[in-house]
Amino acid sequence: MRYRTWDWVALSLVILGAINWGLIGLFRFDLIAVIFGGMESIVSRIIYTIIALAGLYCLSFIGRTRDIVDNAERRTHNHNTPHTHNAI
């Protein structure tokens, strides 16, 4: 799969969000809020929103991954088809 720059940025933000949610769930520690001045801080809210948008964008990976798998299966099927050669 060939990733574009935005794919990597979005995936990185989603991973950051997942780590943050893990910290919240396990330790009640919100890393984003600590770094950017609390949950009510406008900067924190912007970061949360950007991470959410990145997560929605990453949904497009599903369709693209499915296309890549379908193309790979077609290539494999074409390579496994026996070829007949006429011997002279």
C-alpha atoms as a PDB file:
ATOM      1  CA  MET A   1       0.000   0.000   0.000  1.00  0.00           C
ATOM      2  CA  ARG A   2       1.405   3.346  -0.990  1.00  0.00           C
ATOM      3  CA  TYR A   3       0.767   5.928   1.700  1.00  0.00           C
ATOM      4  CA  ARG A   4       0.493   9.613   1.066  1.00  0.00           C
ATOM      5  CA  THR A   5       1.861  12.150   3.541  1.00  0.00           C
ATOM      6  CA  TRP A   6      -1.595  12.904   4.934  1.00  0.00           C
ATOM      7  CA  ASP A   7      -2.145   9.152   5.491  1.00  0.00           C
ATOM      8  CA  TRP A   8       0.917   9.046   7.750  1.00  0.00           C
ATOM      9  CA  VAL A   9      -0.088  12.231   9.583  1.00  0.00           C
ATOM     10  CA  ALA A  10      -3.631  10.962  10.119  1.00  0.00           C
ATOM     11  CA  LEU A  11      -2.427   7.551  11.274  1.00  0.00           C
ATOM     12  CA  SER A  12       0.022   9.171  13.700  1.00  0.00           C
ATOM     13  CA  LEU A  13      -2.750  11.343  15.150  1.00  0.00           C
ATOM     14  CA  VAL A  14      -5.047   8.342  15.544  1.00  0.00           C
ATOM     15  CA  ILE A  15      -2.274   6.468  17.366  1.00  0.00           C
ATOM     16  CA  LEU A  16      -1.748   9.493  19.610  1.00  0.00           C
ATOM     17  CA  GLY A  17      -5.479   9.544  20.323  1.00  0.00           C
ATOM     18  CA  ALA A  18      -5.494   5.816  21.082  1.00  0.00           C
ATOM     19  CA  ILE A  19      -2.592   6.205  23.498  1.00  0.00           C
ATOM     20  CA  ASN A  20      -4.376   9.127  25.155  1.00  0.00           C
ATOM     21  CA  TRP A  21      -7.586   7.109  25.545  1.00  0.00           C
ATOM     22  CA  GLY A  22      -5.564   4.216  26.972  1.00  0.00           C
ATOM     23  CA  LEU A  23      -4.011   6.545  29.537  1.00  0.00           C
ATOM     24  CA  ILE A  24      -7.442   7.929  30.414  1.00  0.00           C
ATOM     25  CA  GLY A  25      -8.909   4.444  30.763  1.00  0.00           C
ATOM     26  CA  LEU A  26      -6.075   2.970  32.786  1.00  0.00           C
ATOM     27  CA  PHE A  27      -4.850   5.877  34.878  1.00  0.00           C
ATOM     28  CA  ARG A  28      -7.412   8.685  34.492  1.00  0.00           C
ATOM     29  CA  PHE A  29      -4.586  10.720  32.980  1.00  0.00           C
ATOM     30  CA  ASP A  30      -5.360  12.900  29.947  1.00  0.00           C
ATOM     31  CA  LEU A  31      -2.019  13.584  28.278  1.00  0.00           C
ATOM     32  CA  ILE A  32      -3.476  16.078  25.775  1.00  0.00           C
ATOM     33  CA  ALA A  33      -5.093  18.075  28.574  1.00  0.00           C
ATOM     34  CA  VAL A  34      -1.884  18.089  30.601  1.00  0.00           C
ATOM     35  CA  ILE A  35       0.240  19.260  27.666  1.00  0.00           C
ATOM     36  CA  PHE A  36      -2.190  21.858  26.309  1.00  0.00           C
ATOM     37  CA  GLY A  37      -3.677  23.369  29.460  1.00  0.00           C
ATOM     38  CA  GLY A  38      -6.684  21.296  30.517  1.00  0.00           C
ATOM     39  CA  MET A  39      -9.673  19.738  28.789  1.00  0.00           C
ATOM     40  CA  GLU A  40     -11.484  23.049  28.523  1.00  0.00           C
ATOM     41  CA  SER A  41      -8.535  24.811  26.883  1.00  0.00           C
ATOM     42  CA  ILE A  42      -9.275  25.916  23.322  1.00  0.00           C
ATOM     43  CA  VAL A  43      -5.962  24.382  22.187  1.00  0.00           C
ATOM     44  CA  SER A  44      -6.881  20.999  23.721  1.00  0.00           C
ATOM     45  CA  ARG A  45     -10.302  21.109  22.088  1.00  0.00           C
ATOM     46  CA  ILE A  46      -8.709  21.875  18.712  1.00  0.00           C
ATOM     47  CA  ILE A  47      -6.286  18.941  19.168  1.00  0.00           C
ATOM     48  CA  TYR A  48      -9.177  16.610  20.121  1.00  0.00           C
ATOM     49  CA  THR A  49     -11.077  17.759  17.022  1.00  0.00           C
ATOM     50  CA  ILE A  50      -8.079  17.255  14.722  1.00  0.00           C
ATOM     51  CA  ILE A  51      -7.563  13.746  16.117  1.00  0.00           C
ATOM     52  CA  ALA A  52     -11.252  12.978  15.570  1.00  0.00           C
ATOM     53  CA  LEU A  53     -11.070  14.205  11.965  1.00  0.00           C
ATOM     54  CA  ALA A  54      -7.945  12.097  11.421  1.00  0.00           C
ATOM     55  CA  GLY A  55      -9.839   9.067  12.725  1.00  0.00           C
ATOM     56  CA  LEU A  56     -12.666   9.697  10.279  1.00  0.00           C
ATOM     57  CA  TYR A  57     -10.155  10.101   7.464  1.00  0.00           C
ATOM     58  CA  CYS A  58      -8.555   6.770   8.411  1.00  0.00           C
ATOM     59  CA  LEU A  59     -11.881   5.102   7.626  1.00  0.00           C
ATOM     60  CA  SER A  60     -10.902   5.609   3.984  1.00  0.00           C
ATOM     61  CA  PHE A  61      -8.072   3.101   4.561  1.00  0.00           C
ATOM     62  CA  ILE A  62     -10.706   0.355   4.696  1.00  0.00           C
ATOM     63  CA  GLY A  63     -11.854   0.931   1.137  1.00  0.00           C
ATOM     64  CA  ARG A  64      -8.330   1.405  -0.164  1.00  0.00           C
ATOM     65  CA  THR A  65      -7.079  -1.723   1.613  1.00  0.00           C
ATOM     66  CA  ARG A  66      -9.957  -3.732   0.178  1.00  0.00           C
ATOM     67  CA  ASP A  67      -9.063  -2.509  -3.334  1.00  0.00           C
ATOM     68  CA  ILE A  68      -5.417  -3.474  -2.819  1.00  0.00           C
ATOM     69  CA  VAL A  69      -6.380  -6.964  -1.606  1.00  0.00           C
ATOM     70  CA  ASP A  70      -8.742  -7.427  -4.560  1.00  0.00           C
ATOM     71  CA  ASN A  71      -6.020  -6.366  -7.021  1.00  0.00           C
ATOM     72  CA  ALA A  72      -3.484  -8.692  -5.376  1.00  0.00           C
ATOM     73  CA  GLU A  73      -5.937 -11.595  -5.598  1.00  0.00           C
ATOM     74  CA  ARG A  74      -6.525 -10.883  -9.281  1.00  0.00           C
ATOM     75  CA  ARG A  75      -2.780 -10.811  -9.963  1.00  0.00           C
ATOM     76  CA  THR A  76      -2.277 -14.068  -8.043  1.00  0.00           C
ATOM     77  CA  HIS A  77      -5.139 -15.717  -9.899  1.00  0.00           C
ATOM     78  CA  ASN A  78      -3.728 -14.633 -13.256  1.00  0.00           C
ATOM     79  CA  HIS A  79      -0.257 -15.957 -12.362  1.00  0.00           C
ATOM     80  CA  ASN A  80      -1.637 -19.312 -11.206  1.00  0.00           C
ATOM     81  CA  THR A  81      -3.583 -19.908 -14.392  1.00  0.00           C
ATOM     82  CA  PRO A  82      -1.855 -22.649 -16.382  1.00  0.00           C
ATOM     83  CA  HIS A  83      -0.399 -21.433 -19.636  1.00  0.00           C
ATOM     84  CA  THR A  84      -0.495 -23.690 -22.624  1.00  0.00           C
ATOM     85  CA  HIS A  85       2.370 -23.564 -25.013  1.00  0.00           C
ATOM     86  CA  ASN A  86       2.231 -25.147 -28.414  1.00  0.00           C
ATOM     87  CA  ALA A  87       5.202 -27.397 -28.881  1.00  0.00           C
ATOM     88  CA  ILE A  88       6.421 -27.646 -32.422  1.00  0.00           C
END
